[in-house]
PDB file of N, CA and C in Angstrom:
ATOM      1  N   MET A   1      86.073  74.779  89.937  1.00  0.00           N
ATOM      2  CA  MET A   1      87.496  74.792  89.731  1.00  0.00           C
ATOM      3  C   MET A   1      88.016  76.227  89.661  1.00  0.00           C
ATOM      4  N   LEU A   2      87.290  77.070  88.927  1.00  0.00           N
ATOM      5  CA  LEU A   2      87.722  78.458  88.816  1.00  0.00           C
ATOM      6  C   LEU A   2      87.683  79.167  90.167  1.00  0.00           C
ATOM      7  N   LEU A   3      86.672  78.880  90.958  1.00  0.00           N
ATOM      8  CA  LEU A   3      86.573  79.494  92.278  1.00  0.00           C
ATOM      9  C   LEU A   3      87.733  79.040  93.159  1.00  0.00           C
ATOM     10  N   CYS A   4      88.053  77.760  93.140  1.00  0.00           N
ATOM     11  CA  CYS A   4      89.183  77.253  93.932  1.00  0.00           C
ATOM     12  C   CYS A   4      90.498  77.884  93.471  1.00  0.00           C
ATOM     13  N   ALA A   5      90.700  77.981  92.177  1.00  0.00           N
ATOM     14  CA  ALA A   5      91.920  78.599  91.652  1.00  0.00           C
ATOM     15  C   ALA A   5      92.000  80.071  92.054  1.00  0.00           C
ATOM     16  N   ALA A   6      90.871  80.750  91.994  1.00  0.00           N
ATOM     17  CA  ALA A   6      90.846  82.163  92.385  1.00  0.00           C
ATOM     18  C   ALA A   6      91.147  82.334  93.869  1.00  0.00           C
ATOM     19  N   LEU A   7      90.596  81.449  94.710  1.00  0.00           N
ATOM     20  CA  LEU A   7      90.862  81.524  96.146  1.00  0.00           C
ATOM     21  C   LEU A   7      92.327  81.235  96.462  1.00  0.00           C
ATOM     22  N   LEU A   8      92.908  80.262  95.770  1.00  0.00           N
ATOM     23  CA  LEU A   8      94.332  79.971  95.967  1.00  0.00           C
ATOM     24  C   LEU A   8      95.198  81.149  95.536  1.00  0.00           C
ATOM     25  N   ALA A   9      94.857  81.764  94.404  1.00  0.00           N
ATOM     26  CA  ALA A   9      95.612  82.923  93.934  1.00  0.00           C
ATOM     27  C   ALA A   9      95.477  84.087  94.917  1.00  0.00           C
ATOM     28  N   LEU A  10      94.288  84.313  95.430  1.00  0.00           N
ATOM     29  CA  LEU A  10      94.063  85.375  96.396  1.00  0.00           C
ATOM     30  C   LEU A  10      94.847  85.118  97.685  1.00  0.00           C
ATOM     31  N   GLY A  11      94.817  83.892  98.156  1.00  0.00           N
ATOM     32  CA  GLY A  11      95.587  83.539  99.358  1.00  0.00           C
ATOM     33  C   GLY A  11      97.073  83.755  99.164  1.00  0.00           C
ATOM     34  N   THR A  12      97.579  83.409  97.987  1.00  0.00           N
ATOM     35  CA  THR A  12      98.996  83.617  97.689  1.00  0.00           C
ATOM     36  C   THR A  12      99.331  85.101  97.680  1.00  0.00           C
ATOM     37  N   MET A  13      98.466  85.910  97.081  1.00  0.00           N
ATOM     38  CA  MET A  13      98.714  87.355  97.030  1.00  0.00           C
ATOM     39  C   MET A  13      98.701  87.975  98.426  1.00  0.00           C
ATOM     40  N   VAL A  14      97.853  87.466  99.300  1.00  0.00           N
ATOM     41  CA  VAL A  14      97.764  88.018 100.654  1.00  0.00           C
ATOM     42  C   VAL A  14      98.979  87.620 101.483  1.00  0.00           C
ATOM     43  N   VAL A  15      99.430  86.382 101.346  1.00  0.00           N
ATOM     44  CA  VAL A  15     100.507  85.852 102.186  1.00  0.00           C
ATOM     45  C   VAL A  15     101.891  86.259 101.701  1.00  0.00           C
ATOM     46  N   PHE A  16     102.075  86.444 100.416  1.00  0.00           N
ATOM     47  CA  PHE A  16     103.399  86.653  99.839  1.00  0.00           C
ATOM     48  C   PHE A  16     104.199  87.794 100.479  1.00  0.00           C
ATOM     49  N   PRO A  17     103.621  88.978 100.702  1.00  0.00           N
ATOM     50  CA  PRO A  17     104.426  90.045 101.320  1.00  0.00           C
ATOM     51  C   PRO A  17     104.933  89.674 102.722  1.00  0.00           C
ATOM     52  N   PHE A  18     104.100  89.006 103.510  1.00  0.00           N
ATOM     53  CA  PHE A  18     104.497  88.602 104.855  1.00  0.00           C
ATOM     54  C   PHE A  18     105.574  87.519 104.795  1.00  0.00           C
ATOM     55  N   GLU A  19     105.415  86.617 103.850  1.00  0.00           N
ATOM     56  CA  GLU A  19     106.393  85.549 103.641  1.00  0.00           C
ATOM     57  C   GLU A  19     107.756  86.141 103.290  1.00  0.00           C
ATOM     58  N   MET A  20     107.773  87.073 102.354  1.00  0.00           N
ATOM     59  CA  MET A  20     109.032  87.698 101.949  1.00  0.00           C
ATOM     60  C   MET A  20     109.657  88.464 103.115  1.00  0.00           C
ATOM     61  N   ASP A  21     108.858  89.179 103.870  1.00  0.00           N
ATOM     62  CA  ASP A  21     109.370  89.934 105.007  1.00  0.00           C
ATOM     63  C   ASP A  21     109.969  89.007 106.054  1.00  0.00           C
ATOM     64  N   ARG A  22     109.324  87.888 106.304  1.00  0.00           N
ATOM     65  CA  ARG A  22     109.814  86.933 107.297  1.00  0.00           C
ATOM     66  C   ARG A  22     111.144  86.333 106.862  1.00  0.00           C
ATOM     67  N   ILE A  23     111.270  85.989 105.591  1.00  0.00           N
ATOM     68  CA  ILE A  23     112.523  85.420 105.090  1.00  0.00           C
ATOM     69  C   ILE A  23     113.653  86.429 105.222  1.00  0.00           C
ATOM     70  N   VAL A  24     113.393  87.681 104.885  1.00  0.00           N
ATOM     71  CA  VAL A  24     114.414  88.726 105.004  1.00  0.00           C
ATOM     72  C   VAL A  24     114.820  88.910 106.460  1.00  0.00           C
ATOM     73  N   SER A  25     113.855  88.949 107.362  1.00  0.00           N
ATOM     74  CA  SER A  25     114.194  89.161 108.776  1.00  0.00           C
ATOM     75  C   SER A  25     114.938  87.957 109.358  1.00  0.00           C
ATOM     76  N   LEU A  26     114.558  86.749 108.971  1.00  0.00           N
ATOM     77  CA  LEU A  26     115.251  85.562 109.477  1.00  0.00           C
ATOM     78  C   LEU A  26     116.653  85.414 108.886  1.00  0.00           C
ATOM     79  N   SER A  27     116.869  85.947 107.706  1.00  0.00           N
ATOM     80  CA  SER A  27     118.187  85.845 107.082  1.00  0.00           C
ATOM     81  C   SER A  27     119.161  86.866 107.651  1.00  0.00           C
ATOM     82  N   GLY A  28     118.665  87.815 108.417  1.00  0.00           N
ATOM     83  CA  GLY A  28     119.532  88.846 108.966  1.00  0.00           C
ATOM     84  C   GLY A  28     120.056  89.786 107.895  1.00  0.00           C
ATOM     85  N   ASP A  29     119.296  89.971 106.841  1.00  0.00           N
ATOM     86  CA  ASP A  29     119.673  90.818 105.702  1.00  0.00           C
ATOM     87  C   ASP A  29     120.955  90.353 105.016  1.00  0.00           C
ATOM     88  N   ARG A  30     121.282  89.065 105.141  1.00  0.00           N
ATOM     89  CA  ARG A  30     122.456  88.500 104.472  1.00  0.00           C
ATOM     90  C   ARG A  30     122.007  87.325 103.621  1.00  0.00           C
ATOM     91  N   LEU A  31     122.481  87.266 102.406  1.00  0.00           N
ATOM     92  CA  LEU A  31     122.180  86.161 101.481  1.00  0.00           C
ATOM     93  C   LEU A  31     120.676  85.911 101.378  1.00  0.00           C
ATOM     94  N   VAL A  32     119.930  86.977 101.197  1.00  0.00           N
ATOM     95  CA  VAL A  32     118.464  86.876 101.170  1.00  0.00           C
ATOM     96  C   VAL A  32     118.004  85.953 100.036  1.00  0.00           C
ATOM     97  N   ALA A  33     118.595  86.086  98.864  1.00  0.00           N
ATOM     98  CA  ALA A  33     118.187  85.251  97.731  1.00  0.00           C
ATOM     99  C   ALA A  33     118.474  83.783  97.996  1.00  0.00           C
ATOM    100  N   THR A  34     119.576  83.493  98.664  1.00  0.00           N
ATOM    101  CA  THR A  34     119.901  82.105  99.006  1.00  0.00           C
ATOM    102  C   THR A  34     118.878  81.543  99.984  1.00  0.00           C
ATOM    103  N   HIS A  35     118.526  82.327 100.996  1.00  0.00           N
ATOM    104  CA  HIS A  35     117.510  81.880 101.950  1.00  0.00           C
ATOM    105  C   HIS A  35     116.159  81.690 101.271  1.00  0.00           C
ATOM    106  N   TYR A  36     115.812  82.602 100.381  1.00  0.00           N
ATOM    107  CA  TYR A  36     114.534  82.473  99.690  1.00  0.00           C
ATOM    108  C   TYR A  36     114.536  81.247  98.770  1.00  0.00           C
ATOM    109  N   GLY A  37     115.659  80.992  98.107  1.00  0.00           N
ATOM    110  CA  GLY A  37     115.763  79.802  97.259  1.00  0.00           C
ATOM    111  C   GLY A  37     115.643  78.516  98.060  1.00  0.00           C
ATOM    112  N   LEU A  38     116.294  78.476  99.224  1.00  0.00           N
ATOM    113  CA  LEU A  38     116.181  77.299 100.084  1.00  0.00           C
ATOM    114  C   LEU A  38     114.744  77.120 100.559  1.00  0.00           C
ATOM    115  N   TYR A  39     114.119  78.224 100.952  1.00  0.00           N
ATOM    116  CA  TYR A  39     112.719  78.182 101.385  1.00  0.00           C
ATOM    117  C   TYR A  39     111.822  77.615 100.278  1.00  0.00           C
ATOM    118  N   ASN A  40     111.994  78.114  99.060  1.00  0.00           N
ATOM    119  CA  ASN A  40     111.175  77.633  97.947  1.00  0.00           C
ATOM    120  C   ASN A  40     111.433  76.160  97.651  1.00  0.00           C
ATOM    121  N   THR A  41     112.673  75.721  97.793  1.00  0.00           N
ATOM    122  CA  THR A  41     112.986  74.306  97.573  1.00  0.00           C
ATOM    123  C   THR A  41     112.289  73.434  98.607  1.00  0.00           C
ATOM    124  N   VAL A  42     112.392  73.818  99.873  1.00  0.00           N
ATOM    125  CA  VAL A  42     111.757  73.039 100.942  1.00  0.00           C
ATOM    126  C   VAL A  42     110.241  73.021 100.768  1.00  0.00           C
ATOM    127  N   VAL A  43     109.665  74.174 100.455  1.00  0.00           N
ATOM    128  CA  VAL A  43     108.219  74.247 100.255  1.00  0.00           C
ATOM    129  C   VAL A  43     107.801  73.405  99.042  1.00  0.00           C
ATOM    130  N   GLY A  44     108.583  73.449  97.972  1.00  0.00           N
ATOM    131  CA  GLY A  44     108.274  72.655  96.781  1.00  0.00           C
ATOM    132  C   GLY A  44     108.290  71.163  97.064  1.00  0.00           C
ATOM    133  N   VAL A  45     109.279  70.706  97.831  1.00  0.00           N
ATOM    134  CA  VAL A  45     109.337  69.287  98.201  1.00  0.00           C
ATOM    135  C   VAL A  45     108.143  68.929  99.085  1.00  0.00           C
ATOM    136  N   GLY A  46     107.785  69.836  99.997  1.00  0.00           N
ATOM    137  CA  GLY A  46     106.610  69.600 100.839  1.00  0.00           C
ATOM    138  C   GLY A  46     105.328  69.492 100.033  1.00  0.00           C
ATOM    139  N   ILE A  47     105.186  70.346  99.039  1.00  0.00           N
ATOM    140  CA  ILE A  47     104.001  70.293  98.176  1.00  0.00           C
ATOM    141  C   ILE A  47     103.987  68.997  97.378  1.00  0.00           C
ATOM    142  N   LEU A  48     105.129  68.611  96.844  1.00  0.00           N
ATOM    143  CA  LEU A  48     105.237  67.362  96.086  1.00  0.00           C
ATOM    144  C   LEU A  48     104.824  66.171  96.944  1.00  0.00           C
ATOM    145  N   LEU A  49     105.399  66.072  98.147  1.00  0.00           N
ATOM    146  CA  LEU A  49     105.070  64.951  99.026  1.00  0.00           C
ATOM    147  C   LEU A  49     103.617  64.995  99.482  1.00  0.00           C
ATOM    148  N   GLY A  50     103.107  66.191  99.763  1.00  0.00           N
ATOM    149  CA  GLY A  50     101.711  66.314 100.166  1.00  0.00           C
ATOM    150  C   GLY A  50     100.754  65.861  99.078  1.00  0.00           C
ATOM    151  N   ASN A  51     101.016  66.265  97.848  1.00  0.00           N
ATOM    152  CA  ASN A  51     100.161  65.836  96.734  1.00  0.00           C
ATOM    153  C   ASN A  51     100.269  64.335  96.494  1.00  0.00           C
ATOM    154  N   LEU A  52     101.479  63.800  96.588  1.00  0.00           N
ATOM    155  CA  LEU A  52     101.681  62.371  96.392  1.00  0.00           C
ATOM    156  C   LEU A  52     100.933  61.570  97.456  1.00  0.00           C
ATOM    157  N   LEU A  53     101.098  61.947  98.710  1.00  0.00           N
ATOM    158  CA  LEU A  53     100.437  61.219  99.797  1.00  0.00           C
ATOM    159  C   LEU A  53      98.920  61.385  99.766  1.00  0.00           C
ATOM    160  N   THR A  54      98.450  62.550  99.369  1.00  0.00           N
ATOM    161  CA  THR A  54      97.005  62.752  99.249  1.00  0.00           C
ATOM    162  C   THR A  54      96.426  61.869  98.148  1.00  0.00           C
ATOM    163  N   GLY A  55      97.113  61.791  97.015  1.00  0.00           N
ATOM    164  CA  GLY A  55      96.663  60.906  95.932  1.00  0.00           C
ATOM    165  C   GLY A  55      96.643  59.450  96.358  1.00  0.00           C
ATOM    166  N   ILE A  56      97.680  59.023  97.066  1.00  0.00           N
ATOM    167  CA  ILE A  56      97.725  57.643  97.572  1.00  0.00           C
ATOM    168  C   ILE A  56      96.568  57.397  98.533  1.00  0.00           C
ATOM    169  N   ALA A  57      96.289  58.379  99.401  1.00  0.00           N
ATOM    170  CA  ALA A  57      95.192  58.236 100.365  1.00  0.00           C
ATOM    171  C   ALA A  57      93.840  58.134  99.660  1.00  0.00           C
ATOM    172  N   PHE A  58      93.627  58.938  98.620  1.00  0.00           N
ATOM    173  CA  PHE A  58      92.365  58.865  97.884  1.00  0.00           C
ATOM    174  C   PHE A  58      92.211  57.512  97.196  1.00  0.00           C
ATOM    175  N   ASP A  59      93.278  57.006  96.600  1.00  0.00           N
ATOM    176  CA  ASP A  59      93.207  55.695  95.948  1.00  0.00           C
ATOM    177  C   ASP A  59      92.941  54.580  96.957  1.00  0.00           C
ATOM    178  N   ALA A  60      93.651  54.626  98.081  1.00  0.00           N
ATOM    179  CA  ALA A  60      93.472  53.588  99.103  1.00  0.00           C
ATOM    180  C   ALA A  60      92.068  53.643  99.696  1.00  0.00           C
ATOM    181  N   ALA A  61      91.558  54.827  99.927  1.00  0.00           N
ATOM    182  CA  ALA A  61      90.212  54.963 100.492  1.00  0.00           C
ATOM    183  C   ALA A  61      89.153  54.466  99.518  1.00  0.00           C
ATOM    184  N   ALA A  62      89.339  54.734  98.233  1.00  0.00           N
ATOM    185  CA  ALA A  62      88.381  54.254  97.226  1.00  0.00           C
ATOM    186  C   ALA A  62      88.391  52.728  97.178  1.00  0.00           C
ATOM    187  N   ARG A  63      89.581  52.125  97.239  1.00  0.00           N
ATOM    188  CA  ARG A  63      89.671  50.657  97.233  1.00  0.00           C
ATOM    189  C   ARG A  63      89.057  50.059  98.501  1.00  0.00           C
ATOM    190  N   ALA A  64      89.179  50.760  99.630  1.00  0.00           N
ATOM    191  CA  ALA A  64      88.649  50.261 100.894  1.00  0.00           C
ATOM    192  C   ALA A  64      87.153  50.534 101.049  1.00  0.00           C
ATOM    193  N   GLY A  65      86.575  51.304 100.133  1.00  0.00           N
ATOM    194  CA  GLY A  65      85.141  51.593 100.191  1.00  0.00           C
ATOM    195  C   GLY A  65      84.772  52.732 101.125  1.00  0.00           C
ATOM    196  N   VAL A  66      85.749  53.560 101.495  1.00  0.00           N
ATOM    197  CA  VAL A  66      85.477  54.722 102.356  1.00  0.00           C
ATOM    198  C   VAL A  66      86.031  55.983 101.685  1.00  0.00           C
ATOM    199  N   PRO A  67      85.421  56.391 100.569  1.00  0.00           N
ATOM    200  CA  PRO A  67      85.969  57.527  99.820  1.00  0.00           C
ATOM    201  C   PRO A  67      85.905  58.861 100.566  1.00  0.00           C
ATOM    202  N   TRP A  68      85.148  58.936 101.639  1.00  0.00           N
ATOM    203  CA  TRP A  68      85.020  60.165 102.412  1.00  0.00           C
ATOM    204  C   TRP A  68      86.174  60.357 103.394  1.00  0.00           C
ATOM    205  N   MET A  69      86.912  59.292 103.679  1.00  0.00           N
ATOM    206  CA  MET A  69      87.953  59.350 104.708  1.00  0.00           C
ATOM    207  C   MET A  69      89.060  60.381 104.416  1.00  0.00           C
ATOM    208  N   PRO A  70      89.601  60.462 103.196  1.00  0.00           N
ATOM    209  CA  PRO A  70      90.624  61.489 102.956  1.00  0.00           C
ATOM    210  C   PRO A  70      90.098  62.910 103.144  1.00  0.00           C
ATOM    211  N   TRP A  71      88.830  63.127 102.782  1.00  0.00           N
ATOM    212  CA  TRP A  71      88.255  64.457 102.969  1.00  0.00           C
ATOM    213  C   TRP A  71      88.174  64.804 104.452  1.00  0.00           C
ATOM    214  N   LEU A  72      87.801  63.837 105.278  1.00  0.00           N
ATOM    215  CA  LEU A  72      87.757  64.055 106.716  1.00  0.00           C
ATOM    216  C   LEU A  72      89.154  64.346 107.262  1.00  0.00           C
ATOM    217  N   ALA A  73      90.133  63.565 106.810  1.00  0.00           N
ATOM    218  CA  ALA A  73      91.509  63.769 107.271  1.00  0.00           C
ATOM    219  C   ALA A  73      92.037  65.136 106.846  1.00  0.00           C
ATOM    220  N   LEU A  74      91.781  65.539 105.608  1.00  0.00           N
ATOM    221  CA  LEU A  74      92.245  66.843 105.133  1.00  0.00           C
ATOM    222  C   LEU A  74      91.561  67.985 105.880  1.00  0.00           C
ATOM    223  N   THR A  75      90.292  67.824 106.196  1.00  0.00           N
ATOM    224  CA  THR A  75      89.568  68.826 106.972  1.00  0.00           C
ATOM    225  C   THR A  75      90.168  68.946 108.367  1.00  0.00           C
ATOM    226  N   CYS A  76      90.470  67.811 108.989  1.00  0.00           N
ATOM    227  CA  CYS A  76      91.081  67.832 110.324  1.00  0.00           C
ATOM    228  C   CYS A  76      92.466  68.485 110.297  1.00  0.00           C
ATOM    229  N   VAL A  77      93.243  68.202 109.266  1.00  0.00           N
ATOM    230  CA  VAL A  77      94.562  68.819 109.139  1.00  0.00           C
ATOM    231  C   VAL A  77      94.415  70.338 108.992  1.00  0.00           C
ATOM    232  N   GLY A  78      93.484  70.780 108.162  1.00  0.00           N
ATOM    233  CA  GLY A  78      93.258  72.211 107.980  1.00  0.00           C
ATOM    234  C   GLY A  78      92.821  72.894 109.265  1.00  0.00           C
ATOM    235  N   LEU A  79      91.898  72.273 109.988  1.00  0.00           N
ATOM    236  CA  LEU A  79      91.449  72.851 111.257  1.00  0.00           C
ATOM    237  C   LEU A  79      92.573  72.865 112.284  1.00  0.00           C
ATOM    238  N   GLY A  80      93.372  71.807 112.309  1.00  0.00           N
ATOM    239  CA  GLY A  80      94.512  71.764 113.230  1.00  0.00           C
ATOM    240  C   GLY A  80      95.525  72.858 112.931  1.00  0.00           C
ATOM    241  N   CYS A  81      95.789  73.086 111.646  1.00  0.00           N
ATOM    242  CA  CYS A  81      96.711  74.165 111.254  1.00  0.00           C
ATOM    243  C   CYS A  81      96.160  75.528 111.645  1.00  0.00           C
ATOM    244  N   ALA A  82      94.864  75.728 111.450  1.00  0.00           N
ATOM    245  CA  ALA A  82      94.250  77.011 111.819  1.00  0.00           C
ATOM    246  C   ALA A  82      94.348  77.239 113.322  1.00  0.00           C
ATOM    247  N   LEU A  83      94.105  76.202 114.121  1.00  0.00           N
ATOM    248  CA  LEU A  83      94.212  76.345 115.572  1.00  0.00           C
ATOM    249  C   LEU A  83      95.655  76.605 116.000  1.00  0.00           C
ATOM    250  N   ALA A  84      96.597  75.924 115.362  1.00  0.00           N
ATOM    251  CA  ALA A  84      98.011  76.139 115.691  1.00  0.00           C
ATOM    252  C   ALA A  84      98.445  77.563 115.359  1.00  0.00           C
ATOM    253  N   LEU A  85      97.990  78.083 114.208  1.00  0.00           N
ATOM    254  CA  LEU A  85      98.319  79.459 113.852  1.00  0.00           C
ATOM    255  C   LEU A  85      97.701  80.459 114.818  1.00  0.00           C
ATOM    256  N   LYS A  86      96.485  80.167 115.251  1.00  0.00           N
ATOM    257  CA  LYS A  86      95.832  81.055 116.221  1.00  0.00           C
ATOM    258  C   LYS A  86      96.613  81.072 117.527  1.00  0.00           C
ATOM    259  N   LYS A  87      97.054  79.907 117.973  1.00  0.00           N
ATOM    260  CA  LYS A  87      97.833  79.828 119.206  1.00  0.00           C
ATOM    261  C   LYS A  87      99.178  80.531 119.034  1.00  0.00           C
ATOM    262  N   LEU A  88      99.823  80.316 117.896  1.00  0.00           N
ATOM    263  CA  LEU A  88     101.100  80.971 117.626  1.00  0.00           C
ATOM    264  C   LEU A  88     100.938  82.484 117.594  1.00  0.00           C
ATOM    265  N   ALA A  89      99.871  82.961 116.964  1.00  0.00           N
ATOM    266  CA  ALA A  89      99.631  84.404 116.888  1.00  0.00           C
ATOM    267  C   ALA A  89      99.397  84.986 118.274  1.00  0.00           C
ATOM    268  N   SER A  90      98.702  84.275 119.128  1.00  0.00           N
ATOM    269  CA  SER A  90      98.468  84.790 120.480  1.00  0.00           C
ATOM    270  C   SER A  90      99.760  84.810 121.288  1.00  0.00           C
ATOM    271  N   ARG A  91     100.643  83.833 121.063  1.00  0.00           N
ATOM    272  CA  ARG A  91     101.936  83.830 121.753  1.00  0.00           C
ATOM    273  C   ARG A  91     102.797  84.998 121.277  1.00  0.00           C
ATOM    274  N   VAL A  92     102.781  85.252 119.965  1.00  0.00           N
ATOM    275  CA  VAL A  92     103.561  86.358 119.420  1.00  0.00           C
ATOM    276  C   VAL A  92     103.014  87.678 119.934  1.00  0.00           C
ATOM    277  N   ASP A  93     101.694  87.818 119.944  1.00  0.00           N
ATOM    278  CA  ASP A  93     101.074  89.053 120.448  1.00  0.00           C
ATOM    279  C   ASP A  93     101.406  89.286 121.913  1.00  0.00           C
ATOM    280  N   SER A  94     101.355  88.235 122.725  1.00  0.00           N
ATOM    281  CA  SER A  94     101.660  88.410 124.144  1.00  0.00           C
ATOM    282  C   SER A  94     103.144  88.690 124.357  1.00  0.00           C
ATOM    283  N   GLY A  95     104.000  88.142 123.496  1.00  0.00           N
ATOM    284  CA  GLY A  95     105.443  88.413 123.580  1.00  0.00           C
ATOM    285  C   GLY A  95     105.766  89.830 123.183  1.00  0.00           C
ATOM    286  N   LEU A  96     105.040  90.363 122.194  1.00  0.00           N
ATOM    287  CA  LEU A  96     105.272  91.732 121.764  1.00  0.00           C
ATOM    288  C   LEU A  96     104.770  92.740 122.778  1.00  0.00           C
ATOM    289  N   ALA A  97     103.750  92.354 123.531  1.00  0.00           N
ATOM    290  CA  ALA A  97     103.207  93.279 124.513  1.00  0.00           C
ATOM    291  C   ALA A  97     104.231  93.589 125.604  1.00  0.00           C
ATOM    292  N   GLY A  98     105.112  92.644 125.911  1.00  0.00           N
ATOM    293  CA  GLY A  98     106.097  92.853 126.943  1.00  0.00           C
ATOM    294  C   GLY A  98     107.407  93.452 126.436  1.00  0.00           C
ATOM    295  N   SER A  99     107.544  93.608 125.127  1.00  0.00           N
ATOM    296  CA  SER A  99     108.797  94.146 124.587  1.00  0.00           C
ATOM    297  C   SER A  99     108.794  95.665 124.649  1.00  0.00           C
ATOM    298  N   THR A 100     109.996  96.236 124.544  1.00  0.00           N
ATOM    299  CA  THR A 100     110.115  97.691 124.612  1.00  0.00           C
ATOM    300  C   THR A 100     110.245  98.327 123.245  1.00  0.00           C
ATOM    301  N   ARG A 101     110.135  97.543 122.150  1.00  0.00           N
ATOM    302  CA  ARG A 101     110.251  98.110 120.805  1.00  0.00           C
ATOM    303  C   ARG A 101     109.001  98.792 120.379  1.00  0.00           C
TER     304      ARG A 101
END
């Protein structure tokens, strides 16, 4: 548990500066706090729904006798997100290569 908490805290510390920079750039330097508040609200609702649905999935899988199924689904979601980010990063890199900035 401590290792998982430490990894989550480390991930948050690494991502936070980039997250803040992205919100500022997308807001156009106007109403930054409002944009950040909206972002946090949307993310909070997403976390709430994700935890709720994950709990429901674990309960349903236990009742169905396949307790490993939610772990497989969560692993697939994580791998899919990693692949999507890799593809997005390559698109951004190739787009920046052609820019004059």
